[in-house]
Amino acid sequence: MENTNETVESTINLIDVFNALLRRWWIILLTAIICAGALFGYTYATSEQYYEAEVTVYVNSKSDSNQGSITSSDVTLNRKLVATYIVIAKSKTTVTQMVDAAFIHNMDGTEITLVDKYAAMGIDAHALYKFESLKGKMTVAGVGETEILSVKIRCTDPDDALALANAFVNVFPDVISKIIIGTGSTPVEYASTVVAISRGYVKKALIGFAVGFVLAAVFVVIFDVLVNDTIESSEWIQDRFGESIPLLTVIPDEQDSNGKYGYYRYGATKGDKANG
């Protein structure tokens, strides 16, 4: 019998929750839209536009191709060393040399080093592109089951992204050959264009909408259902408590000729009705 009562009470509570959410739908929707707009605006105001350049290099265990043809054992060794090549690619030695070797190609066909470009602005390029900072903007990964490395570099300046990515291709063969004797790398593809990285406006807006929707729904359930002790109608009492609390009487609302609601006082005539 107790289980039946608990089931009825749970059903009633779920109905109350549904009715409260349906009654306050506009509050929930408005809150969700406000949160979506706020997170969209915050992302737009605080995030920077990044550009990404990608290069690919082939790494091998024979730095001099005249040493002979590449055997299957060489290929297997190269694939096993891909993880090692990735670590070397993001090492301090490689990253520092990239900054020094980067060249910016101007529209008039001239070139200027990355260091000189920022020196003219009174900025130290090595301070701007510190090791940890630039390392965090690099993505290095093997391409499938091959001996090719893909290197992607993100910068807020598209020219810098191109210059640093192509500088990697130029400095990596010397770096890797000094660390692992007998190895080398060959450029597969230089970077010629950059890709604008999405700032995730839509994603952030959807997250804000979802968070606002859930928070508003929770507040509606708490204040309209859990802590609401207002007796809304005689039906509310009967639905909530059933026969455990008998309903003795109901005081009706009466409307007078002026369209006002009130109740009859004890001993009063209809014309002496008290307005509520």
C-alpha atoms as a PDB file:
ATOM      1  CA  MET A   1       0.000   0.000   0.000  1.00  0.00           C
ATOM      2  CA  GLU A   2       2.861   2.341   0.812  1.00  0.00           C
ATOM      3  CA  ASN A   3       4.468   1.643  -2.568  1.00  0.00           C
ATOM      4  CA  THR A   4       1.213   2.599  -4.308  1.00  0.00           C
ATOM      5  CA  ASN A   5       1.085   5.904  -2.407  1.00  0.00           C
ATOM      6  CA  GLU A   6       4.709   6.647  -3.240  1.00  0.00           C
ATOM      7  CA  THR A   7       4.028   5.959  -6.927  1.00  0.00           C
ATOM      8  CA  VAL A   8       1.002   8.252  -6.934  1.00  0.00           C
ATOM      9  CA  GLU A   9       2.967  10.988  -5.126  1.00  0.00           C
ATOM     10  CA  SER A  10       5.884  10.695  -7.586  1.00  0.00           C
ATOM     11  CA  THR A  11       3.473  10.911 -10.519  1.00  0.00           C
ATOM     12  CA  ILE A  12       1.808  13.959  -9.052  1.00  0.00           C
ATOM     13  CA  ASN A  13       5.176  15.605  -8.459  1.00  0.00           C
ATOM     14  CA  LEU A  14       6.222  14.958 -12.051  1.00  0.00           C
ATOM     15  CA  ILE A  15       2.971  16.491 -13.246  1.00  0.00           C
ATOM     16  CA  ASP A  16       3.623  19.523 -11.054  1.00  0.00           C
ATOM     17  CA  VAL A  17       7.107  19.852 -12.506  1.00  0.00           C
ATOM     18  CA  PHE A  18       5.814  19.605 -16.057  1.00  0.00           C
ATOM     19  CA  ASN A  19       3.082  22.156 -15.415  1.00  0.00           C
ATOM     20  CA  ALA A  20       5.542  24.565 -13.779  1.00  0.00           C
ATOM     21  CA  LEU A  21       7.945  24.306 -16.717  1.00  0.00           C
ATOM     22  CA  LEU A  22       5.095  24.774 -19.174  1.00  0.00           C
ATOM     23  CA  ARG A  23       3.768  27.771 -17.255  1.00  0.00           C
ATOM     24  CA  ARG A  24       7.175  29.460 -17.100  1.00  0.00           C
ATOM     25  CA  TRP A  25       8.378  28.471 -20.570  1.00  0.00           C
ATOM     26  CA  TRP A  26       8.992  32.075 -21.576  1.00  0.00           C
ATOM     27  CA  ILE A  27      11.319  32.631 -18.603  1.00  0.00           C
ATOM     28  CA  ILE A  28      13.293  29.504 -19.490  1.00  0.00           C
ATOM     29  CA  LEU A  29      13.552  30.444 -23.163  1.00  0.00           C
ATOM     30  CA  LEU A  30      14.499  34.064 -22.426  1.00  0.00           C
ATOM     31  CA  THR A  31      17.200  32.979 -19.957  1.00  0.00           C
ATOM     32  CA  ALA A  32      18.620  30.507 -22.472  1.00  0.00           C
ATOM     33  CA  ILE A  33      18.759  33.179 -25.199  1.00  0.00           C
ATOM     34  CA  ILE A  34      20.416  35.698 -22.856  1.00  0.00           C
ATOM     35  CA  CYS A  35      23.080  33.163 -21.805  1.00  0.00           C
ATOM     36  CA  ALA A  36      23.718  32.190 -25.432  1.00  0.00           C
ATOM     37  CA  GLY A  37      24.149  35.833 -26.405  1.00  0.00           C
ATOM     38  CA  ALA A  38      26.390  36.545 -23.420  1.00  0.00           C
ATOM     39  CA  LEU A  39      28.747  33.654 -24.169  1.00  0.00           C
ATOM     40  CA  PHE A  40      28.770  34.538 -27.873  1.00  0.00           C
ATOM     41  CA  GLY A  41      29.674  38.154 -27.042  1.00  0.00           C
ATOM     42  CA  TYR A  42      32.340  37.109 -24.542  1.00  0.00           C
ATOM     43  CA  THR A  43      33.942  34.795 -27.105  1.00  0.00           C
ATOM     44  CA  TYR A  44      33.845  37.492 -29.770  1.00  0.00           C
ATOM     45  CA  ALA A  45      35.416  40.093 -27.463  1.00  0.00           C
ATOM     46  CA  THR A  46      38.133  37.956 -25.877  1.00  0.00           C
ATOM     47  CA  SER A  47      39.195  35.336 -28.437  1.00  0.00           C
ATOM     48  CA  GLU A  48      41.822  36.032 -31.099  1.00  0.00           C
ATOM     49  CA  GLN A  49      41.684  34.990 -34.717  1.00  0.00           C
ATOM     50  CA  TYR A  50      44.335  32.361 -35.441  1.00  0.00           C
ATOM     51  CA  TYR A  51      45.703  31.246 -38.784  1.00  0.00           C
ATOM     52  CA  GLU A  52      47.247  27.840 -39.429  1.00  0.00           C
ATOM     53  CA  ALA A  53      49.945  26.840 -41.921  1.00  0.00           C
ATOM     54  CA  GLU A  54      50.881  23.225 -42.612  1.00  0.00           C
ATOM     55  CA  VAL A  55      54.033  21.618 -44.005  1.00  0.00           C
ATOM     56  CA  THR A  56      55.016  17.978 -44.463  1.00  0.00           C
ATOM     57  CA  VAL A  57      58.450  16.368 -44.376  1.00  0.00           C
ATOM     58  CA  TYR A  58      59.711  12.877 -45.077  1.00  0.00           C
ATOM     59  CA  VAL A  59      62.066  11.471 -42.446  1.00  0.00           C
ATOM     60  CA  ASN A  60      64.470   8.614 -43.161  1.00  0.00           C
ATOM     61  CA  SER A  61      67.308   6.754 -41.533  1.00  0.00           C
ATOM     62  CA  LYS A  62      69.765   7.493 -44.337  1.00  0.00           C
ATOM     63  CA  SER A  63      70.778  11.137 -44.549  1.00  0.00           C
ATOM     64  CA  ASP A  64      72.668  10.514 -47.780  1.00  0.00           C
ATOM     65  CA  SER A  65      70.620   8.849 -50.521  1.00  0.00           C
ATOM     66  CA  ASN A  66      73.865   7.735 -52.220  1.00  0.00           C
ATOM     67  CA  GLN A  67      74.444   5.235 -49.411  1.00  0.00           C
ATOM     68  CA  GLY A  68      72.158   2.793 -51.120  1.00  0.00           C
ATOM     69  CA  SER A  69      68.515   1.979 -51.700  1.00  0.00           C
ATOM     70  CA  ILE A  70      66.093   2.021 -48.804  1.00  0.00           C
ATOM     71  CA  THR A  71      65.257  -1.457 -47.565  1.00  0.00           C
ATOM     72  CA  SER A  72      62.121  -2.740 -45.806  1.00  0.00           C
ATOM     73  CA  SER A  73      64.028  -2.736 -42.526  1.00  0.00           C
ATOM     74  CA  ASP A  74      64.759   0.976 -43.024  1.00  0.00           C
ATOM     75  CA  VAL A  75      61.057   1.677 -43.532  1.00  0.00           C
ATOM     76  CA  THR A  76      60.163  -0.282 -40.393  1.00  0.00           C
ATOM     77  CA  LEU A  77      62.806   1.579 -38.408  1.00  0.00           C
ATOM     78  CA  ASN A  78      61.555   4.947 -39.665  1.00  0.00           C
ATOM     79  CA  ARG A  79      57.991   4.167 -38.599  1.00  0.00           C
ATOM     80  CA  LYS A  80      59.160   3.129 -35.151  1.00  0.00           C
ATOM     81  CA  LEU A  81      61.107   6.383 -34.847  1.00  0.00           C
ATOM     82  CA  VAL A  82      58.157   8.622 -35.755  1.00  0.00           C
ATOM     83  CA  ALA A  83      57.359   9.226 -32.070  1.00  0.00           C
ATOM     84  CA  THR A  84      61.000  10.222 -31.530  1.00  0.00           C
ATOM     85  CA  TYR A  85      60.920  12.556 -34.535  1.00  0.00           C
ATOM     86  CA  ILE A  86      57.815  14.272 -33.124  1.00  0.00           C
ATOM     87  CA  VAL A  87      59.570  14.977 -29.828  1.00  0.00           C
ATOM     88  CA  ILE A  88      62.605  16.386 -31.640  1.00  0.00           C
ATOM     89  CA  ALA A  89      60.372  18.500 -33.889  1.00  0.00           C
ATOM     90  CA  LYS A  90      58.939  20.268 -30.828  1.00  0.00           C
ATOM     91  CA  SER A  91      62.254  20.520 -28.969  1.00  0.00           C
ATOM     92  CA  LYS A  92      63.719  23.832 -27.848  1.00  0.00           C
ATOM     93  CA  THR A  93      66.559  23.512 -30.352  1.00  0.00           C
ATOM     94  CA  THR A  94      64.175  23.200 -33.297  1.00  0.00           C
ATOM     95  CA  VAL A  95      61.773  25.908 -32.145  1.00  0.00           C
ATOM     96  CA  THR A  96      64.535  28.447 -31.442  1.00  0.00           C
ATOM     97  CA  GLN A  97      66.132  27.897 -34.840  1.00  0.00           C
ATOM     98  CA  MET A  98      62.740  28.273 -36.525  1.00  0.00           C
ATOM     99  CA  VAL A  99      62.396  31.827 -35.216  1.00  0.00           C
ATOM    100  CA  ASP A 100      65.893  32.714 -36.432  1.00  0.00           C
ATOM    101  CA  ALA A 101      65.399  31.130 -39.873  1.00  0.00           C
ATOM    102  CA  ALA A 102      61.895  32.461 -40.608  1.00  0.00           C
ATOM    103  CA  PHE A 103      61.546  34.837 -43.571  1.00  0.00           C
ATOM    104  CA  ILE A 104      58.575  37.026 -44.449  1.00  0.00           C
ATOM    105  CA  HIS A 105      57.867  37.427 -48.179  1.00  0.00           C
ATOM    106  CA  ASN A 106      56.651  40.941 -48.920  1.00  0.00           C
ATOM    107  CA  MET A 107      54.192  41.897 -51.631  1.00  0.00           C
ATOM    108  CA  ASP A 108      56.963  43.585 -53.666  1.00  0.00           C
ATOM    109  CA  GLY A 109      58.935  40.328 -53.816  1.00  0.00           C
ATOM    110  CA  THR A 110      61.472  41.270 -51.159  1.00  0.00           C
ATOM    111  CA  GLU A 111      62.164  39.236 -48.037  1.00  0.00           C
ATOM    112  CA  ILE A 112      62.736  40.197 -44.440  1.00  0.00           C
ATOM    113  CA  THR A 113      63.542  37.980 -41.516  1.00  0.00           C
ATOM    114  CA  LEU A 114      60.970  37.524 -38.792  1.00  0.00           C
ATOM    115  CA  VAL A 115      63.479  38.866 -36.289  1.00  0.00           C
ATOM    116  CA  ASP A 116      64.050  42.048 -38.341  1.00  0.00           C
ATOM    117  CA  LYS A 117      60.321  42.531 -38.899  1.00  0.00           C
ATOM    118  CA  TYR A 118      59.651  42.773 -35.178  1.00  0.00           C
ATOM    119  CA  ALA A 119      62.925  44.577 -34.431  1.00  0.00           C
ATOM    120  CA  ALA A 120      61.640  47.436 -36.608  1.00  0.00           C
ATOM    121  CA  MET A 121      58.616  47.592 -34.286  1.00  0.00           C
ATOM    122  CA  GLY A 122      60.795  47.546 -31.192  1.00  0.00           C
ATOM    123  CA  ILE A 123      59.747  43.985 -30.345  1.00  0.00           C
ATOM    124  CA  ASP A 124      61.998  41.021 -29.631  1.00  0.00           C
ATOM    125  CA  ALA A 125      60.804  38.150 -31.836  1.00  0.00           C
ATOM    126  CA  HIS A 126      62.255  35.586 -29.420  1.00  0.00           C
ATOM    127  CA  ALA A 127      60.297  37.172 -26.565  1.00  0.00           C
ATOM    128  CA  LEU A 128      57.147  37.219 -28.690  1.00  0.00           C
ATOM    129  CA  TYR A 129      57.570  33.607 -29.742  1.00  0.00           C
ATOM    130  CA  LYS A 130      58.975  32.077 -26.594  1.00  0.00           C
ATOM    131  CA  PHE A 131      59.701  28.374 -26.656  1.00  0.00           C
ATOM    132  CA  GLU A 132      56.739  27.235 -24.535  1.00  0.00           C
ATOM    133  CA  SER A 133      54.359  29.580 -26.321  1.00  0.00           C
ATOM    134  CA  LEU A 134      55.372  28.549 -29.836  1.00  0.00           C
ATOM    135  CA  LYS A 135      55.561  24.884 -28.874  1.00  0.00           C
ATOM    136  CA  GLY A 136      51.934  25.105 -27.742  1.00  0.00           C
ATOM    137  CA  LYS A 137      50.986  26.481 -31.157  1.00  0.00           C
ATOM    138  CA  MET A 138      52.594  23.540 -32.981  1.00  0.00           C
ATOM    139  CA  THR A 139      50.840  20.295 -33.892  1.00  0.00           C
ATOM    140  CA  VAL A 140      53.135  17.512 -35.072  1.00  0.00           C
ATOM    141  CA  ALA A 141      51.827  14.095 -36.089  1.00  0.00           C
ATOM    142  CA  GLY A 142      52.664  11.182 -38.342  1.00  0.00           C
ATOM    143  CA  VAL A 143      50.610  10.813 -41.518  1.00  0.00           C
ATOM    144  CA  GLY A 144      49.007   7.383 -41.349  1.00  0.00           C
ATOM    145  CA  GLU A 145      51.469   4.491 -41.328  1.00  0.00           C
ATOM    146  CA  THR A 146      54.067   6.426 -43.317  1.00  0.00           C
ATOM    147  CA  GLU A 147      57.366   8.115 -42.501  1.00  0.00           C
ATOM    148  CA  ILE A 148      55.876  11.537 -43.276  1.00  0.00           C
ATOM    149  CA  LEU A 149      55.414  14.144 -40.559  1.00  0.00           C
ATOM    150  CA  SER A 150      52.710  16.781 -40.722  1.00  0.00           C
ATOM    151  CA  VAL A 151      53.564  20.021 -38.910  1.00  0.00           C
ATOM    152  CA  LYS A 152      50.917  22.688 -38.304  1.00  0.00           C
ATOM    153  CA  ILE A 153      51.658  26.085 -36.771  1.00  0.00           C
ATOM    154  CA  ARG A 154      49.039  28.561 -35.541  1.00  0.00           C
ATOM    155  CA  CYS A 155      49.655  32.302 -35.217  1.00  0.00           C
ATOM    156  CA  THR A 156      47.515  35.422 -35.000  1.00  0.00           C
ATOM    157  CA  ASP A 157      49.534  36.827 -37.929  1.00  0.00           C
ATOM    158  CA  PRO A 158      49.085  34.759 -41.124  1.00  0.00           C
ATOM    159  CA  ASP A 159      52.498  35.829 -42.486  1.00  0.00           C
ATOM    160  CA  ASP A 160      54.191  34.609 -39.315  1.00  0.00           C
ATOM    161  CA  ALA A 161      52.421  31.255 -39.544  1.00  0.00           C
ATOM    162  CA  LEU A 162      53.697  30.756 -43.095  1.00  0.00           C
ATOM    163  CA  ALA A 163      57.222  31.900 -42.266  1.00  0.00           C
ATOM    164  CA  LEU A 164      57.588  29.700 -39.181  1.00  0.00           C
ATOM    165  CA  ALA A 165      56.118  26.617 -40.857  1.00  0.00           C
ATOM    166  CA  ASN A 166      58.469  26.880 -43.844  1.00  0.00           C
ATOM    167  CA  ALA A 167      61.378  27.626 -41.508  1.00  0.00           C
ATOM    168  CA  PHE A 168      60.710  24.298 -39.806  1.00  0.00           C
ATOM    169  CA  VAL A 169      61.211  22.473 -43.109  1.00  0.00           C
ATOM    170  CA  ASN A 170      64.584  24.192 -43.547  1.00  0.00           C
ATOM    171  CA  VAL A 171      66.023  23.702 -40.059  1.00  0.00           C
ATOM    172  CA  PHE A 172      64.700  20.240 -39.189  1.00  0.00           C
ATOM    173  CA  PRO A 173      67.125  18.187 -41.364  1.00  0.00           C
ATOM    174  CA  ASP A 174      70.163  19.676 -39.612  1.00  0.00           C
ATOM    175  CA  VAL A 175      68.641  19.320 -36.141  1.00  0.00           C
ATOM    176  CA  ILE A 176      67.589  15.702 -36.556  1.00  0.00           C
ATOM    177  CA  SER A 177      70.846  14.587 -38.182  1.00  0.00           C
ATOM    178  CA  LYS A 178      72.847  15.896 -35.221  1.00  0.00           C
ATOM    179  CA  ILE A 179      70.649  14.147 -32.651  1.00  0.00           C
ATOM    180  CA  ILE A 180      70.135  10.800 -34.424  1.00  0.00           C
ATOM    181  CA  ILE A 181      73.240  10.035 -36.466  1.00  0.00           C
ATOM    182  CA  GLY A 182      72.469   8.784 -39.954  1.00  0.00           C
ATOM    183  CA  THR A 183      68.984  10.278 -40.214  1.00  0.00           C
ATOM    184  CA  GLY A 184      67.632  13.183 -42.237  1.00  0.00           C
ATOM    185  CA  SER A 185      64.464  14.689 -43.621  1.00  0.00           C
ATOM    186  CA  THR A 186      63.284  15.856 -47.020  1.00  0.00           C
ATOM    187  CA  PRO A 187      60.620  18.499 -47.692  1.00  0.00           C
ATOM    188  CA  VAL A 188      57.394  17.067 -49.101  1.00  0.00           C
ATOM    189  CA  GLU A 189      55.289  20.207 -49.209  1.00  0.00           C
ATOM    190  CA  TYR A 190      55.946  23.789 -48.176  1.00  0.00           C
ATOM    191  CA  ALA A 191      53.196  26.046 -46.851  1.00  0.00           C
ATOM    192  CA  SER A 192      51.797  28.503 -49.398  1.00  0.00           C
ATOM    193  CA  THR A 193      48.459  29.394 -47.809  1.00  0.00           C
ATOM    194  CA  VAL A 194      46.961  29.613 -44.342  1.00  0.00           C
ATOM    195  CA  VAL A 195      43.608  28.500 -42.974  1.00  0.00           C
ATOM    196  CA  ALA A 196      41.609  30.694 -40.622  1.00  0.00           C
ATOM    197  CA  ILE A 197      40.823  28.727 -37.465  1.00  0.00           C
ATOM    198  CA  SER A 198      37.203  28.913 -36.355  1.00  0.00           C
ATOM    199  CA  ARG A 199      36.698  30.683 -33.033  1.00  0.00           C
ATOM    200  CA  GLY A 200      33.747  28.431 -32.228  1.00  0.00           C
ATOM    201  CA  TYR A 201      31.064  31.108 -32.014  1.00  0.00           C
ATOM    202  CA  VAL A 202      28.200  28.722 -32.774  1.00  0.00           C
ATOM    203  CA  LYS A 203      29.505  26.066 -30.398  1.00  0.00           C
ATOM    204  CA  LYS A 204      29.888  28.557 -27.551  1.00  0.00           C
ATOM    205  CA  ALA A 205      26.423  29.995 -28.216  1.00  0.00           C
ATOM    206  CA  LEU A 206      24.865  26.524 -28.105  1.00  0.00           C
ATOM    207  CA  ILE A 207      26.674  25.769 -24.841  1.00  0.00           C
ATOM    208  CA  GLY A 208      25.403  29.045 -23.375  1.00  0.00           C
ATOM    209  CA  PHE A 209      21.855  28.265 -24.528  1.00  0.00           C
ATOM    210  CA  ALA A 210      21.970  24.802 -22.947  1.00  0.00           C
ATOM    211  CA  VAL A 211      23.397  26.099 -19.653  1.00  0.00           C
ATOM    212  CA  GLY A 212      20.820  28.908 -19.473  1.00  0.00           C
ATOM    213  CA  PHE A 213      17.985  26.508 -20.277  1.00  0.00           C
ATOM    214  CA  VAL A 214      19.000  24.042 -17.560  1.00  0.00           C
ATOM    215  CA  LEU A 215      19.610  26.717 -14.910  1.00  0.00           C
ATOM    216  CA  ALA A 216      16.285  28.416 -15.588  1.00  0.00           C
ATOM    217  CA  ALA A 217      14.444  25.093 -15.505  1.00  0.00           C
ATOM    218  CA  VAL A 218      16.065  24.176 -12.192  1.00  0.00           C
ATOM    219  CA  PHE A 219      15.118  27.521 -10.627  1.00  0.00           C
ATOM    220  CA  VAL A 220      11.536  27.181 -11.861  1.00  0.00           C
ATOM    221  CA  VAL A 221      11.230  23.701 -10.344  1.00  0.00           C
ATOM    222  CA  ILE A 222      12.727  24.851  -7.037  1.00  0.00           C
ATOM    223  CA  PHE A 223      10.650  27.985  -6.549  1.00  0.00           C
ATOM    224  CA  ASP A 224       7.398  26.902  -8.230  1.00  0.00           C
ATOM    225  CA  VAL A 225       7.273  23.300  -7.041  1.00  0.00           C
ATOM    226  CA  LEU A 226       9.613  22.413  -4.184  1.00  0.00           C
ATOM    227  CA  VAL A 227       9.330  25.498  -1.982  1.00  0.00           C
ATOM    228  CA  ASN A 228       5.951  26.751  -3.186  1.00  0.00           C
ATOM    229  CA  ASP A 229       3.411  26.313  -0.350  1.00  0.00           C
ATOM    230  CA  THR A 230       0.585  28.280  -1.976  1.00  0.00           C
ATOM    231  CA  ILE A 231      -2.762  26.436  -2.110  1.00  0.00           C
ATOM    232  CA  GLU A 232      -3.837  27.182  -5.639  1.00  0.00           C
ATOM    233  CA  SER A 233      -7.279  25.553  -5.746  1.00  0.00           C
ATOM    234  CA  SER A 234      -9.511  22.912  -4.184  1.00  0.00           C
ATOM    235  CA  GLU A 235      -8.471  20.547  -6.971  1.00  0.00           C
ATOM    236  CA  TRP A 236      -4.832  21.100  -5.981  1.00  0.00           C
ATOM    237  CA  ILE A 237      -5.596  19.901  -2.414  1.00  0.00           C
ATOM    238  CA  GLN A 238      -7.537  16.883  -3.608  1.00  0.00           C
ATOM    239  CA  ASP A 239      -4.887  15.903  -6.142  1.00  0.00           C
ATOM    240  CA  ARG A 240      -2.079  16.358  -3.633  1.00  0.00           C
ATOM    241  CA  PHE A 241      -3.548  14.798  -0.482  1.00  0.00           C
ATOM    242  CA  GLY A 242      -6.497  12.730  -1.694  1.00  0.00           C
ATOM    243  CA  GLU A 243      -8.864  11.572   1.039  1.00  0.00           C
ATOM    244  CA  SER A 244      -6.324  12.029   3.852  1.00  0.00           C
ATOM    245  CA  ILE A 245      -7.401  15.676   4.292  1.00  0.00           C
ATOM    246  CA  PRO A 246     -11.153  16.151   3.808  1.00  0.00           C
ATOM    247  CA  LEU A 247     -12.244  19.322   2.062  1.00  0.00           C
ATOM    248  CA  LEU A 248     -14.973  20.930   4.194  1.00  0.00           C
ATOM    249  CA  THR A 249     -15.913  23.982   2.150  1.00  0.00           C
ATOM    250  CA  VAL A 250     -14.812  26.317  -0.612  1.00  0.00           C
ATOM    251  CA  ILE A 251     -15.230  30.114  -0.479  1.00  0.00           C
ATOM    252  CA  PRO A 252     -16.161  31.178  -3.991  1.00  0.00           C
ATOM    253  CA  ASP A 253     -15.082  34.374  -5.652  1.00  0.00           C
ATOM    254  CA  GLU A 254     -18.090  36.550  -6.443  1.00  0.00           C
ATOM    255  CA  GLN A 255     -18.167  39.270  -9.064  1.00  0.00           C
ATOM    256  CA  ASP A 256     -20.316  42.376  -8.471  1.00  0.00           C
ATOM    257  CA  SER A 257     -21.920  44.654 -11.011  1.00  0.00           C
ATOM    258  CA  ASN A 258     -18.700  46.711 -11.192  1.00  0.00           C
ATOM    259  CA  GLY A 259     -16.670  43.675 -12.241  1.00  0.00           C
ATOM    260  CA  LYS A 260     -14.862  43.460  -8.874  1.00  0.00           C
ATOM    261  CA  TYR A 261     -14.283  40.315  -6.905  1.00  0.00           C
ATOM    262  CA  GLY A 262     -14.994  39.952  -3.196  1.00  0.00           C
ATOM    263  CA  TYR A 263     -16.554  37.759  -0.498  1.00  0.00           C
ATOM    264  CA  TYR A 264     -19.773  38.004   1.551  1.00  0.00           C
ATOM    265  CA  ARG A 265     -19.345  38.993   5.163  1.00  0.00           C
ATOM    266  CA  TYR A 266     -21.239  37.061   7.807  1.00  0.00           C
ATOM    267  CA  GLY A 267     -24.669  38.684   8.197  1.00  0.00           C
ATOM    268  CA  ALA A 268     -24.207  41.063   5.260  1.00  0.00           C
ATOM    269  CA  THR A 269     -26.585  41.471   2.384  1.00  0.00           C
ATOM    270  CA  LYS A 270     -25.529  41.162  -1.192  1.00  0.00           C
ATOM    271  CA  GLY A 271     -25.235  44.918  -1.516  1.00  0.00           C
ATOM    272  CA  ASP A 272     -22.905  45.044   1.479  1.00  0.00           C
ATOM    273  CA  LYS A 273     -20.421  42.651  -0.093  1.00  0.00           C
ATOM    274  CA  ALA A 274     -16.794  43.274   0.922  1.00  0.00           C
ATOM    275  CA  ASN A 275     -14.401  43.824  -1.930  1.00  0.00           C
ATOM    276  CA  GLY A 276     -11.144  41.749  -1.927  1.00  0.00           C
END
